[in-house]
Amino acid sequence: MALVRFSEEDGKVADLELVMGHAVKSVSVVNADADLHRSALNTLFHHNLSAVSNEEAKARKQKLKSWLELNRLPVAETGVDGAMLSILNVVTVAPPYKLNNCLSTNEIVLGRIQALIKAMPNS
């Protein structure tokens, strides 16, 4: 369960607290005006992929794939239309192919791949 407190000045998220389901004893709605905060909540939990054009996303994917292959890591394109990059069948990188788009259950390998991505040159 996510508990969200909004700022009174600008209506943006001021505080976010996650509570595990087993710890919840009861729920009461403090502010029933969901329409007022719907856009802020949507931007909080959904990434805006439209901010990156298809050409830019393809260029980032190719640059990242080349960088990982240069560092001798096996990279495969997976997912719908090859949109995701799979590294060592352990780490998956989703569009827009940035450091925070890496997913893995192995945090050691994830940390090493993220460090390698962070070290990728800009040119």
PDB file of N, CA and C in Angstrom:
ATOM      1  N   MET A   1       0.845  -1.147   0.000  1.00  0.00           N
ATOM      2  CA  MET A   1       0.000   0.000   0.000  1.00  0.00           C
ATOM      3  C   MET A   1       0.899   1.220   0.000  1.00  0.00           C
ATOM      4  N   ALA A   2       0.510   2.229  -0.771  1.00  0.00           N
ATOM      5  CA  ALA A   2       1.270   3.471  -0.846  1.00  0.00           C
ATOM      6  C   ALA A   2       0.484   4.581  -0.170  1.00  0.00           C
ATOM      7  N   LEU A   3       1.118   5.241   0.782  1.00  0.00           N
ATOM      8  CA  LEU A   3       0.527   6.394   1.446  1.00  0.00           C
ATOM      9  C   LEU A   3       1.200   7.630   0.879  1.00  0.00           C
ATOM     10  N   VAL A   4       0.403   8.515   0.309  1.00  0.00           N
ATOM     11  CA  VAL A   4       0.950   9.688  -0.367  1.00  0.00           C
ATOM     12  C   VAL A   4       0.394  10.945   0.282  1.00  0.00           C
ATOM     13  N   ARG A   5       1.294  11.874   0.598  1.00  0.00           N
ATOM     14  CA  ARG A   5       0.881  13.175   1.117  1.00  0.00           C
ATOM     15  C   ARG A   5       1.313  14.218   0.099  1.00  0.00           C
ATOM     16  N   PHE A   6       0.377  15.076  -0.284  1.00  0.00           N
ATOM     17  CA  PHE A   6       0.646  16.101  -1.284  1.00  0.00           C
ATOM     18  C   PHE A   6       0.944  17.435  -0.625  1.00  0.00           C
ATOM     19  N   SER A   7       1.789  18.219  -1.277  1.00  0.00           N
ATOM     20  CA  SER A   7       2.122  19.556  -0.811  1.00  0.00           C
ATOM     21  C   SER A   7       0.913  20.467  -1.001  1.00  0.00           C
ATOM     22  N   GLU A   8       0.656  21.306  -0.030  1.00  0.00           N
ATOM     23  CA  GLU A   8      -0.478  22.227  -0.126  1.00  0.00           C
ATOM     24  C   GLU A   8      -0.189  23.376  -1.088  1.00  0.00           C
ATOM     25  N   GLU A   9       1.078  23.738  -1.264  1.00  0.00           N
ATOM     26  CA  GLU A   9       1.427  24.855  -2.139  1.00  0.00           C
ATOM     27  C   GLU A   9       1.227  24.538  -3.614  1.00  0.00           C
ATOM     28  N   ASP A  10       1.846  23.444  -4.089  1.00  0.00           N
ATOM     29  CA  ASP A  10       1.808  23.166  -5.520  1.00  0.00           C
ATOM     30  C   ASP A  10       1.085  21.868  -5.885  1.00  0.00           C
ATOM     31  N   GLY A  11       0.638  21.110  -4.912  1.00  0.00           N
ATOM     32  CA  GLY A  11      -0.109  19.883  -5.189  1.00  0.00           C
ATOM     33  C   GLY A  11       0.744  18.716  -5.622  1.00  0.00           C
ATOM     34  N   LYS A  12       2.062  18.857  -5.564  1.00  0.00           N
ATOM     35  CA  LYS A  12       2.956  17.758  -5.936  1.00  0.00           C
ATOM     36  C   LYS A  12       3.171  16.845  -4.742  1.00  0.00           C
ATOM     37  N   VAL A  13       3.723  15.660  -5.023  1.00  0.00           N
ATOM     38  CA  VAL A  13       3.960  14.677  -3.968  1.00  0.00           C
ATOM     39  C   VAL A  13       5.014  15.207  -3.004  1.00  0.00           C
ATOM     40  N   ALA A  14       4.651  15.313  -1.731  1.00  0.00           N
ATOM     41  CA  ALA A  14       5.570  15.803  -0.709  1.00  0.00           C
ATOM     42  C   ALA A  14       6.174  14.652   0.080  1.00  0.00           C
ATOM     43  N   ASP A  15       5.408  13.567   0.233  1.00  0.00           N
ATOM     44  CA  ASP A  15       5.876  12.454   1.055  1.00  0.00           C
ATOM     45  C   ASP A  15       5.252  11.168   0.526  1.00  0.00           C
ATOM     46  N   LEU A  16       6.043  10.115   0.453  1.00  0.00           N
ATOM     47  CA  LEU A  16       5.568   8.819  -0.003  1.00  0.00           C
ATOM     48  C   LEU A  16       6.051   7.764   0.976  1.00  0.00           C
ATOM     49  N   GLU A  17       5.137   6.953   1.444  1.00  0.00           N
ATOM     50  CA  GLU A  17       5.491   5.890   2.381  1.00  0.00           C
ATOM     51  C   GLU A  17       4.863   4.599   1.894  1.00  0.00           C
ATOM     52  N   LEU A  18       5.662   3.549   1.800  1.00  0.00           N
ATOM     53  CA  LEU A  18       5.168   2.244   1.389  1.00  0.00           C
ATOM     54  C   LEU A  18       4.973   1.372   2.619  1.00  0.00           C
ATOM     55  N   VAL A  19       3.816   0.741   2.714  1.00  0.00           N
ATOM     56  CA  VAL A  19       3.490  -0.118   3.850  1.00  0.00           C
ATOM     57  C   VAL A  19       3.194  -1.506   3.312  1.00  0.00           C
ATOM     58  N   MET A  20       3.828  -2.510   3.883  1.00  0.00           N
ATOM     59  CA  MET A  20       3.584  -3.890   3.462  1.00  0.00           C
ATOM     60  C   MET A  20       2.157  -4.304   3.828  1.00  0.00           C
ATOM     61  N   GLY A  21       1.567  -5.111   2.976  1.00  0.00           N
ATOM     62  CA  GLY A  21       0.172  -5.500   3.142  1.00  0.00           C
ATOM     63  C   GLY A  21      -0.156  -6.144   4.473  1.00  0.00           C
ATOM     64  N   HIS A  22       0.734  -6.965   5.009  1.00  0.00           N
ATOM     65  CA  HIS A  22       0.456  -7.654   6.269  1.00  0.00           C
ATOM     66  C   HIS A  22       0.401  -6.694   7.466  1.00  0.00           C
ATOM     67  N   ALA A  23       0.980  -5.505   7.312  1.00  0.00           N
ATOM     68  CA  ALA A  23       1.002  -4.541   8.407  1.00  0.00           C
ATOM     69  C   ALA A  23      -0.230  -3.637   8.433  1.00  0.00           C
ATOM     70  N   VAL A  24      -1.090  -3.739   7.422  1.00  0.00           N
ATOM     71  CA  VAL A  24      -2.271  -2.880   7.344  1.00  0.00           C
ATOM     72  C   VAL A  24      -3.406  -3.520   8.146  1.00  0.00           C
ATOM     73  N   LYS A  25      -3.923  -2.767   9.112  1.00  0.00           N
ATOM     74  CA  LYS A  25      -5.045  -3.255   9.922  1.00  0.00           C
ATOM     75  C   LYS A  25      -6.362  -2.666   9.438  1.00  0.00           C
ATOM     76  N   SER A  26      -6.339  -1.410   9.022  1.00  0.00           N
ATOM     77  CA  SER A  26      -7.538  -0.784   8.479  1.00  0.00           C
ATOM     78  C   SER A  26      -7.126   0.344   7.548  1.00  0.00           C
ATOM     79  N   VAL A  27      -8.046   0.742   6.680  1.00  0.00           N
ATOM     80  CA  VAL A  27      -7.784   1.793   5.714  1.00  0.00           C
ATOM     81  C   VAL A  27      -8.905   2.813   5.808  1.00  0.00           C
ATOM     82  N   SER A  28      -8.533   4.069   5.883  1.00  0.00           N
ATOM     83  CA  SER A  28      -9.543   5.131   5.834  1.00  0.00           C
ATOM     84  C   SER A  28      -9.083   6.182   4.845  1.00  0.00           C
ATOM     85  N   VAL A  29     -10.018   6.671   4.034  1.00  0.00           N
ATOM     86  CA  VAL A  29      -9.713   7.664   3.017  1.00  0.00           C
ATOM     87  C   VAL A  29      -9.785   9.044   3.656  1.00  0.00           C
ATOM     88  N   VAL A  30      -8.679   9.788   3.575  1.00  0.00           N
ATOM     89  CA  VAL A  30      -8.619  11.111   4.173  1.00  0.00           C
ATOM     90  C   VAL A  30      -9.130  12.156   3.182  1.00  0.00           C
ATOM     91  N   ASN A  31      -8.776  11.992   1.915  1.00  0.00           N
ATOM     92  CA  ASN A  31      -9.193  12.932   0.886  1.00  0.00           C
ATOM     93  C   ASN A  31      -9.793  12.124  -0.252  1.00  0.00           C
ATOM     94  N   ALA A  32     -11.085  12.197  -0.432  1.00  0.00           N
ATOM     95  CA  ALA A  32     -11.771  11.402  -1.448  1.00  0.00           C
ATOM     96  C   ALA A  32     -11.730  12.045  -2.826  1.00  0.00           C
ATOM     97  N   ASP A  33     -11.110  13.212  -2.973  1.00  0.00           N
ATOM     98  CA  ASP A  33     -11.052  13.904  -4.254  1.00  0.00           C
ATOM     99  C   ASP A  33      -9.917  13.323  -5.100  1.00  0.00           C
ATOM    100  N   ALA A  34     -10.136  12.125  -5.645  1.00  0.00           N
ATOM    101  CA  ALA A  34      -9.105  11.427  -6.403  1.00  0.00           C
ATOM    102  C   ALA A  34      -8.772  12.147  -7.703  1.00  0.00           C
ATOM    103  N   ASP A  35      -9.741  12.817  -8.301  1.00  0.00           N
ATOM    104  CA  ASP A  35      -9.482  13.506  -9.567  1.00  0.00           C
ATOM    105  C   ASP A  35      -8.455  14.620  -9.406  1.00  0.00           C
ATOM    106  N   LEU A  36      -8.447  15.234  -8.259  1.00  0.00           N
ATOM    107  CA  LEU A  36      -7.514  16.327  -7.990  1.00  0.00           C
ATOM    108  C   LEU A  36      -6.058  15.857  -8.046  1.00  0.00           C
ATOM    109  N   HIS A  37      -5.788  14.654  -7.558  1.00  0.00           N
ATOM    110  CA  HIS A  37      -4.415  14.161  -7.463  1.00  0.00           C
ATOM    111  C   HIS A  37      -4.095  13.050  -8.461  1.00  0.00           C
ATOM    112  N   ARG A  38      -5.024  12.722  -9.346  1.00  0.00           N
ATOM    113  CA  ARG A  38      -4.828  11.610 -10.284  1.00  0.00           C
ATOM    114  C   ARG A  38      -3.587  11.795 -11.158  1.00  0.00           C
ATOM    115  N   SER A  39      -3.370  12.960 -11.714  1.00  0.00           N
ATOM    116  CA  SER A  39      -2.218  13.167 -12.595  1.00  0.00           C
ATOM    117  C   SER A  39      -0.898  13.044 -11.837  1.00  0.00           C
ATOM    118  N   ALA A  40      -0.855  13.552 -10.603  1.00  0.00           N
ATOM    119  CA  ALA A  40       0.371  13.436  -9.802  1.00  0.00           C
ATOM    120  C   ALA A  40       0.668  11.982  -9.477  1.00  0.00           C
ATOM    121  N   LEU A  41      -0.358  11.207  -9.170  1.00  0.00           N
ATOM    122  CA  LEU A  41      -0.159   9.790  -8.876  1.00  0.00           C
ATOM    123  C   LEU A  41       0.258   9.018 -10.129  1.00  0.00           C
ATOM    124  N   ASN A  42      -0.319   9.361 -11.269  1.00  0.00           N
ATOM    125  CA  ASN A  42       0.053   8.682 -12.513  1.00  0.00           C
ATOM    126  C   ASN A  42       1.504   8.929 -12.875  1.00  0.00           C
ATOM    127  N   THR A  43       1.990  10.144 -12.700  1.00  0.00           N
ATOM    128  CA  THR A  43       3.389  10.421 -13.007  1.00  0.00           C
ATOM    129  C   THR A  43       4.326   9.791 -11.982  1.00  0.00           C
ATOM    130  N   LEU A  44       3.824   9.541 -10.786  1.00  0.00           N
ATOM    131  CA  LEU A  44       4.642   8.934  -9.744  1.00  0.00           C
ATOM    132  C   LEU A  44       4.932   7.468 -10.039  1.00  0.00           C
ATOM    133  N   PHE A  45       3.950   6.746 -10.562  1.00  0.00           N
ATOM    134  CA  PHE A  45       4.095   5.304 -10.748  1.00  0.00           C
ATOM    135  C   PHE A  45       4.236   4.858 -12.191  1.00  0.00           C
ATOM    136  N   HIS A  46       4.074   5.739 -13.148  1.00  0.00           N
ATOM    137  CA  HIS A  46       4.200   5.378 -14.561  1.00  0.00           C
ATOM    138  C   HIS A  46       5.271   6.238 -15.202  1.00  0.00           C
ATOM    139  N   HIS A  47       6.170   5.571 -15.925  1.00  0.00           N
ATOM    140  CA  HIS A  47       7.226   6.295 -16.619  1.00  0.00           C
ATOM    141  C   HIS A  47       6.664   6.884 -17.898  1.00  0.00           C
ATOM    142  N   ASN A  48       7.134   8.045 -18.240  1.00  0.00           N
ATOM    143  CA  ASN A  48       6.709   8.706 -19.463  1.00  0.00           C
ATOM    144  C   ASN A  48       7.712   8.384 -20.564  1.00  0.00           C
ATOM    145  N   LEU A  49       7.374   7.378 -21.376  1.00  0.00           N
ATOM    146  CA  LEU A  49       8.274   6.972 -22.446  1.00  0.00           C
ATOM    147  C   LEU A  49       8.130   7.853 -23.674  1.00  0.00           C
ATOM    148  N   SER A  50       7.070   8.631 -23.746  1.00  0.00           N
ATOM    149  CA  SER A  50       6.859   9.471 -24.912  1.00  0.00           C
ATOM    150  C   SER A  50       7.864  10.619 -24.966  1.00  0.00           C
ATOM    151  N   ALA A  51       8.565  10.883 -23.877  1.00  0.00           N
ATOM    152  CA  ALA A  51       9.552  11.960 -23.855  1.00  0.00           C
ATOM    153  C   ALA A  51      10.761  11.622 -24.722  1.00  0.00           C
ATOM    154  N   VAL A  52      10.921  10.349 -25.085  1.00  0.00           N
ATOM    155  CA  VAL A  52      12.035   9.908 -25.906  1.00  0.00           C
ATOM    156  C   VAL A  52      11.480   9.444 -27.248  1.00  0.00           C
ATOM    157  N   SER A  53      11.999  10.006 -28.329  1.00  0.00           N
ATOM    158  CA  SER A  53      11.528   9.617 -29.654  1.00  0.00           C
ATOM    159  C   SER A  53      12.009   8.203 -29.984  1.00  0.00           C
ATOM    160  N   ASN A  54      11.353   7.585 -30.950  1.00  0.00           N
ATOM    161  CA  ASN A  54      11.739   6.227 -31.359  1.00  0.00           C
ATOM    162  C   ASN A  54      13.162   6.195 -31.891  1.00  0.00           C
ATOM    163  N   GLU A  55      13.547   7.220 -32.629  1.00  0.00           N
ATOM    164  CA  GLU A  55      14.903   7.265 -33.190  1.00  0.00           C
ATOM    165  C   GLU A  55      15.944   7.377 -32.082  1.00  0.00           C
ATOM    166  N   GLU A  56      15.644   8.220 -31.080  1.00  0.00           N
ATOM    167  CA  GLU A  56      16.569   8.389 -29.961  1.00  0.00           C
ATOM    168  C   GLU A  56      16.670   7.102 -29.143  1.00  0.00           C
ATOM    169  N   ALA A  57      15.537   6.427 -28.932  1.00  0.00           N
ATOM    170  CA  ALA A  57      15.543   5.168 -28.186  1.00  0.00           C
ATOM    171  C   ALA A  57      16.347   4.104 -28.937  1.00  0.00           C
ATOM    172  N   LYS A  58      16.177   4.025 -30.243  1.00  0.00           N
ATOM    173  CA  LYS A  58      16.946   3.053 -31.043  1.00  0.00           C
ATOM    174  C   LYS A  58      18.434   3.362 -30.994  1.00  0.00           C
ATOM    175  N   ALA A  59      18.770   4.639 -31.046  1.00  0.00           N
ATOM    176  CA  ALA A  59      20.185   5.030 -30.980  1.00  0.00           C
ATOM    177  C   ALA A  59      20.782   4.680 -29.626  1.00  0.00           C
ATOM    178  N   ARG A  60      20.032   4.940 -28.539  1.00  0.00           N
ATOM    179  CA  ARG A  60      20.515   4.578 -27.200  1.00  0.00           C
ATOM    180  C   ARG A  60      20.692   3.079 -27.064  1.00  0.00           C
ATOM    181  N   LYS A  61      19.721   2.320 -27.593  1.00  0.00           N
ATOM    182  CA  LYS A  61      19.797   0.861 -27.497  1.00  0.00           C
ATOM    183  C   LYS A  61      21.035   0.346 -28.236  1.00  0.00           C
ATOM    184  N   GLN A  62      21.268   0.846 -29.434  1.00  0.00           N
ATOM    185  CA  GLN A  62      22.416   0.393 -30.222  1.00  0.00           C
ATOM    186  C   GLN A  62      23.726   0.792 -29.553  1.00  0.00           C
ATOM    187  N   LYS A  63      23.785   2.003 -28.996  1.00  0.00           N
ATOM    188  CA  LYS A  63      24.999   2.466 -28.313  1.00  0.00           C
ATOM    189  C   LYS A  63      25.286   1.606 -27.091  1.00  0.00           C
ATOM    190  N   LEU A  64      24.244   1.313 -26.302  1.00  0.00           N
ATOM    191  CA  LEU A  64      24.417   0.488 -25.110  1.00  0.00           C
ATOM    192  C   LEU A  64      24.815  -0.937 -25.482  1.00  0.00           C
ATOM    193  N   LYS A  65      24.167  -1.482 -26.495  1.00  0.00           N
ATOM    194  CA  LYS A  65      24.488  -2.849 -26.935  1.00  0.00           C
ATOM    195  C   LYS A  65      25.934  -2.927 -27.395  1.00  0.00           C
ATOM    196  N   SER A  66      26.378  -1.945 -28.173  1.00  0.00           N
ATOM    197  CA  SER A  66      27.770  -1.926 -28.643  1.00  0.00           C
ATOM    198  C   SER A  66      28.744  -1.808 -27.484  1.00  0.00           C
ATOM    199  N   TRP A  67      28.416  -0.966 -26.499  1.00  0.00           N
ATOM    200  CA  TRP A  67      29.278  -0.781 -25.339  1.00  0.00           C
ATOM    201  C   TRP A  67      29.414  -2.076 -24.542  1.00  0.00           C
ATOM    202  N   LEU A  68      28.294  -2.767 -24.330  1.00  0.00           N
ATOM    203  CA  LEU A  68      28.333  -4.019 -23.574  1.00  0.00           C
ATOM    204  C   LEU A  68      29.089  -5.105 -24.331  1.00  0.00           C
ATOM    205  N   GLU A  69      28.895  -5.165 -25.635  1.00  0.00           N
ATOM    206  CA  GLU A  69      29.636  -6.148 -26.446  1.00  0.00           C
ATOM    207  C   GLU A  69      31.119  -5.829 -26.472  1.00  0.00           C
ATOM    208  N   LEU A  70      31.465  -4.544 -26.482  1.00  0.00           N
ATOM    209  CA  LEU A  70      32.868  -4.130 -26.426  1.00  0.00           C
ATOM    210  C   LEU A  70      33.516  -4.614 -25.135  1.00  0.00           C
ATOM    211  N   ASN A  71      32.715  -4.688 -24.075  1.00  0.00           N
ATOM    212  CA  ASN A  71      33.187  -5.179 -22.782  1.00  0.00           C
ATOM    213  C   ASN A  71      32.974  -6.684 -22.632  1.00  0.00           C
ATOM    214  N   ARG A  72      32.775  -7.357 -23.747  1.00  0.00           N
ATOM    215  CA  ARG A  72      32.700  -8.821 -23.834  1.00  0.00           C
ATOM    216  C   ARG A  72      31.522  -9.435 -23.075  1.00  0.00           C
ATOM    217  N   LEU A  73      30.391  -8.744 -23.052  1.00  0.00           N
ATOM    218  CA  LEU A  73      29.187  -9.292 -22.425  1.00  0.00           C
ATOM    219  C   LEU A  73      28.202  -9.728 -23.509  1.00  0.00           C
ATOM    220  N   PRO A  74      27.635 -10.919 -23.361  1.00  0.00           N
ATOM    221  CA  PRO A  74      26.638 -11.363 -24.345  1.00  0.00           C
ATOM    222  C   PRO A  74      25.330 -10.588 -24.167  1.00  0.00           C
ATOM    223  N   VAL A  75      24.860  -9.958 -25.243  1.00  0.00           N
ATOM    224  CA  VAL A  75      23.647  -9.147 -25.223  1.00  0.00           C
ATOM    225  C   VAL A  75      22.695  -9.678 -26.277  1.00  0.00           C
ATOM    226  N   ALA A  76      21.437  -9.859 -25.880  1.00  0.00           N
ATOM    227  CA  ALA A  76      20.409 -10.308 -26.816  1.00  0.00           C
ATOM    228  C   ALA A  76      19.230  -9.360 -26.744  1.00  0.00           C
ATOM    229  N   GLU A  77      18.598  -9.145 -27.905  1.00  0.00           N
ATOM    230  CA  GLU A  77      17.393  -8.330 -27.953  1.00  0.00           C
ATOM    231  C   GLU A  77      16.203  -9.231 -27.683  1.00  0.00           C
ATOM    232  N   THR A  78      15.402  -8.883 -26.672  1.00  0.00           N
ATOM    233  CA  THR A  78      14.260  -9.715 -26.286  1.00  0.00           C
ATOM    234  C   THR A  78      13.013  -8.846 -26.187  1.00  0.00           C
ATOM    235  N   GLY A  79      11.914  -9.474 -25.865  1.00  0.00           N
ATOM    236  CA  GLY A  79      10.664  -8.734 -25.695  1.00  0.00           C
ATOM    237  C   GLY A  79       9.984  -8.483 -27.021  1.00  0.00           C
ATOM    238  N   VAL A  80       8.925  -7.702 -26.973  1.00  0.00           N
ATOM    239  CA  VAL A  80       8.157  -7.370 -28.172  1.00  0.00           C
ATOM    240  C   VAL A  80       9.007  -6.516 -29.097  1.00  0.00           C
ATOM    241  N   ASP A  81       9.189  -6.969 -30.315  1.00  0.00           N
ATOM    242  CA  ASP A  81       9.979  -6.260 -31.336  1.00  0.00           C
ATOM    243  C   ASP A  81      11.422  -6.024 -30.910  1.00  0.00           C
ATOM    244  N   GLY A  82      11.952  -6.853 -30.017  1.00  0.00           N
ATOM    245  CA  GLY A  82      13.332  -6.703 -29.563  1.00  0.00           C
ATOM    246  C   GLY A  82      13.574  -5.418 -28.809  1.00  0.00           C
ATOM    247  N   ALA A  83      12.566  -4.944 -28.088  1.00  0.00           N
ATOM    248  CA  ALA A  83      12.662  -3.654 -27.397  1.00  0.00           C
ATOM    249  C   ALA A  83      13.543  -3.701 -26.167  1.00  0.00           C
ATOM    250  N   MET A  84      13.763  -4.877 -25.584  1.00  0.00           N
ATOM    251  CA  MET A  84      14.545  -4.979 -24.354  1.00  0.00           C
ATOM    252  C   MET A  84      15.891  -5.632 -24.669  1.00  0.00           C
ATOM    253  N   LEU A  85      16.882  -5.267 -23.875  1.00  0.00           N
ATOM    254  CA  LEU A  85      18.199  -5.892 -23.987  1.00  0.00           C
ATOM    255  C   LEU A  85      18.386  -6.837 -22.808  1.00  0.00           C
ATOM    256  N   SER A  86      18.780  -8.058 -23.093  1.00  0.00           N
ATOM    257  CA  SER A  86      19.038  -9.043 -22.054  1.00  0.00           C
ATOM    258  C   SER A  86      20.543  -9.291 -21.989  1.00  0.00           C
ATOM    259  N   ILE A  87      21.115  -9.109 -20.809  1.00  0.00           N
ATOM    260  CA  ILE A  87      22.553  -9.261 -20.614  1.00  0.00           C
ATOM    261  C   ILE A  87      22.785 -10.473 -19.729  1.00  0.00           C
ATOM    262  N   LEU A  88      23.534 -11.433 -20.249  1.00  0.00           N
ATOM    263  CA  LEU A  88      23.871 -12.666 -19.530  1.00  0.00           C
ATOM    264  C   LEU A  88      22.619 -13.446 -19.094  1.00  0.00           C
ATOM    265  N   ASN A  89      21.483 -13.156 -19.685  1.00  0.00           N
ATOM    266  CA  ASN A  89      20.194 -13.752 -19.291  1.00  0.00           C
ATOM    267  C   ASN A  89      19.888 -13.500 -17.811  1.00  0.00           C
ATOM    268  N   VAL A  90      20.483 -12.456 -17.252  1.00  0.00           N
ATOM    269  CA  VAL A  90      20.285 -12.121 -15.838  1.00  0.00           C
ATOM    270  C   VAL A  90      19.743 -10.706 -15.667  1.00  0.00           C
ATOM    271  N   VAL A  91      20.229  -9.784 -16.479  1.00  0.00           N
ATOM    272  CA  VAL A  91      19.821  -8.382 -16.395  1.00  0.00           C
ATOM    273  C   VAL A  91      19.074  -8.006 -17.663  1.00  0.00           C
ATOM    274  N   THR A  92      17.973  -7.283 -17.493  1.00  0.00           N
ATOM    275  CA  THR A  92      17.206  -6.787 -18.625  1.00  0.00           C
ATOM    276  C   THR A  92      17.188  -5.266 -18.559  1.00  0.00           C
ATOM    277  N   VAL A  93      17.413  -4.637 -19.709  1.00  0.00           N
ATOM    278  CA  VAL A  93      17.379  -3.180 -19.787  1.00  0.00           C
ATOM    279  C   VAL A  93      16.210  -2.799 -20.692  1.00  0.00           C
ATOM    280  N   ALA A  94      15.303  -2.001 -20.149  1.00  0.00           N
ATOM    281  CA  ALA A  94      14.105  -1.584 -20.871  1.00  0.00           C
ATOM    282  C   ALA A  94      14.299  -0.177 -21.432  1.00  0.00           C
ATOM    283  N   PRO A  95      13.497   0.189 -22.425  1.00  0.00           N
ATOM    284  CA  PRO A  95      13.559   1.565 -22.924  1.00  0.00           C
ATOM    285  C   PRO A  95      13.250   2.539 -21.802  1.00  0.00           C
ATOM    286  N   PRO A  96      13.878   3.667 -21.760  1.00  0.00           N
ATOM    287  CA  PRO A  96      14.761   4.310 -22.730  1.00  0.00           C
ATOM    288  C   PRO A  96      16.246   3.994 -22.529  1.00  0.00           C
ATOM    289  N   TYR A  97      16.556   2.838 -21.961  1.00  0.00           N
ATOM    290  CA  TYR A  97      17.921   2.302 -21.869  1.00  0.00           C
ATOM    291  C   TYR A  97      18.857   3.172 -21.041  1.00  0.00           C
ATOM    292  N   LYS A  98      18.376   3.599 -19.900  1.00  0.00           N
ATOM    293  CA  LYS A  98      19.212   4.365 -18.974  1.00  0.00           C
ATOM    294  C   LYS A  98      19.544   3.506 -17.761  1.00  0.00           C
ATOM    295  N   LEU A  99      20.355   4.054 -16.897  1.00  0.00           N
ATOM    296  CA  LEU A  99      20.841   3.342 -15.720  1.00  0.00           C
ATOM    297  C   LEU A  99      19.702   2.797 -14.860  1.00  0.00           C
ATOM    298  N   ASN A 100      18.646   3.563 -14.688  1.00  0.00           N
ATOM    299  CA  ASN A 100      17.540   3.150 -13.824  1.00  0.00           C
ATOM    300  C   ASN A 100      16.542   2.229 -14.509  1.00  0.00           C
ATOM    301  N   ASN A 101      16.784   1.853 -15.755  1.00  0.00           N
ATOM    302  CA  ASN A 101      15.889   0.963 -16.484  1.00  0.00           C
ATOM    303  C   ASN A 101      16.382  -0.473 -16.467  1.00  0.00           C
ATOM    304  N   CYS A 102      17.352  -0.781 -15.618  1.00  0.00           N
ATOM    305  CA  CYS A 102      17.895  -2.130 -15.493  1.00  0.00           C
ATOM    306  C   CYS A 102      17.075  -2.920 -14.472  1.00  0.00           C
ATOM    307  N   LEU A 103      16.754  -4.161 -14.820  1.00  0.00           N
ATOM    308  CA  LEU A 103      15.975  -5.028 -13.942  1.00  0.00           C
ATOM    309  C   LEU A 103      16.709  -6.354 -13.760  1.00  0.00           C
ATOM    310  N   SER A 104      16.782  -6.822 -12.518  1.00  0.00           N
ATOM    311  CA  SER A 104      17.398  -8.114 -12.239  1.00  0.00           C
ATOM    312  C   SER A 104      17.056  -8.542 -10.818  1.00  0.00           C
ATOM    313  N   THR A 105      17.049  -9.844 -10.601  1.00  0.00           N
ATOM    314  CA  THR A 105      16.864 -10.356  -9.247  1.00  0.00           C
ATOM    315  C   THR A 105      18.205 -10.574  -8.556  1.00  0.00           C
ATOM    316  N   ASN A 106      19.290 -10.542  -9.321  1.00  0.00           N
ATOM    317  CA  ASN A 106      20.630 -10.700  -8.767  1.00  0.00           C
ATOM    318  C   ASN A 106      21.250  -9.316  -8.598  1.00  0.00           C
ATOM    319  N   GLU A 107      21.231  -8.792  -7.378  1.00  0.00           N
ATOM    320  CA  GLU A 107      21.662  -7.419  -7.165  1.00  0.00           C
ATOM    321  C   GLU A 107      23.162  -7.220  -7.355  1.00  0.00           C
ATOM    322  N   ILE A 108      23.964  -8.261  -7.210  1.00  0.00           N
ATOM    323  CA  ILE A 108      25.404  -8.131  -7.417  1.00  0.00           C
ATOM    324  C   ILE A 108      25.699  -7.905  -8.895  1.00  0.00           C
ATOM    325  N   VAL A 109      25.103  -8.749  -9.742  1.00  0.00           N
ATOM    326  CA  VAL A 109      25.293  -8.596 -11.187  1.00  0.00           C
ATOM    327  C   VAL A 109      24.663  -7.281 -11.650  1.00  0.00           C
ATOM    328  N   LEU A 110      23.504  -6.950 -11.113  1.00  0.00           N
ATOM    329  CA  LEU A 110      22.830  -5.703 -11.466  1.00  0.00           C
ATOM    330  C   LEU A 110      23.720  -4.502 -11.159  1.00  0.00           C
ATOM    331  N   GLY A 111      24.342  -4.494  -9.998  1.00  0.00           N
ATOM    332  CA  GLY A 111      25.229  -3.402  -9.624  1.00  0.00           C
ATOM    333  C   GLY A 111      26.422  -3.282 -10.551  1.00  0.00           C
ATOM    334  N   ARG A 112      26.963  -4.407 -10.967  1.00  0.00           N
ATOM    335  CA  ARG A 112      28.125  -4.377 -11.866  1.00  0.00           C
ATOM    336  C   ARG A 112      27.741  -3.894 -13.260  1.00  0.00           C
ATOM    337  N   ILE A 113      26.595  -4.327 -13.742  1.00  0.00           N
ATOM    338  CA  ILE A 113      26.132  -3.882 -15.058  1.00  0.00           C
ATOM    339  C   ILE A 113      25.817  -2.382 -15.014  1.00  0.00           C
ATOM    340  N   GLN A 114      25.174  -1.926 -13.934  1.00  0.00           N
ATOM    341  CA  GLN A 114      24.864  -0.506 -13.809  1.00  0.00           C
ATOM    342  C   GLN A 114      26.144   0.331 -13.724  1.00  0.00           C
ATOM    343  N   ALA A 115      27.165  -0.179 -13.054  1.00  0.00           N
ATOM    344  CA  ALA A 115      28.442   0.535 -12.992  1.00  0.00           C
ATOM    345  C   ALA A 115      29.073   0.610 -14.373  1.00  0.00           C
ATOM    346  N   LEU A 116      28.934  -0.445 -15.143  1.00  0.00           N
ATOM    347  CA  LEU A 116      29.479  -0.451 -16.508  1.00  0.00           C
ATOM    348  C   LEU A 116      28.712   0.534 -17.380  1.00  0.00           C
ATOM    349  N   ILE A 117      27.403   0.589 -17.238  1.00  0.00           N
ATOM    350  CA  ILE A 117      26.598   1.540 -18.010  1.00  0.00           C
ATOM    351  C   ILE A 117      26.951   2.965 -17.613  1.00  0.00           C
ATOM    352  N   LYS A 118      27.185   3.193 -16.329  1.00  0.00           N
ATOM    353  CA  LYS A 118      27.548   4.516 -15.834  1.00  0.00           C
ATOM    354  C   LYS A 118      28.896   4.957 -16.411  1.00  0.00           C
ATOM    355  N   ALA A 119      29.782   3.999 -16.645  1.00  0.00           N
ATOM    356  CA  ALA A 119      31.101   4.315 -17.178  1.00  0.00           C
ATOM    357  C   ALA A 119      31.118   4.464 -18.703  1.00  0.00           C
ATOM    358  N   MET A 120      29.966   4.244 -19.339  1.00  0.00           N
ATOM    359  CA  MET A 120      29.889   4.337 -20.795  1.00  0.00           C
ATOM    360  C   MET A 120      30.174   5.774 -21.248  1.00  0.00           C
ATOM    361  N   PRO A 121      31.067   5.955 -22.220  1.00  0.00           N
ATOM    362  CA  PRO A 121      31.361   7.327 -22.683  1.00  0.00           C
ATOM    363  C   PRO A 121      30.156   7.937 -23.394  1.00  0.00           C
ATOM    364  N   ASN A 122      30.051   9.265 -23.349  1.00  0.00           N
ATOM    365  CA  ASN A 122      28.927   9.959 -23.965  1.00  0.00           C
ATOM    366  C   ASN A 122      29.027  10.023 -25.482  1.00  0.00           C
ATOM    367  N   SER A 123      30.220   9.953 -26.006  1.00  0.00           N
ATOM    368  CA  SER A 123      30.377  10.084 -27.459  1.00  0.00           C
ATOM    369  C   SER A 123      30.065   8.825 -28.210  1.00  0.00           C
TER     370      SER A 123
END
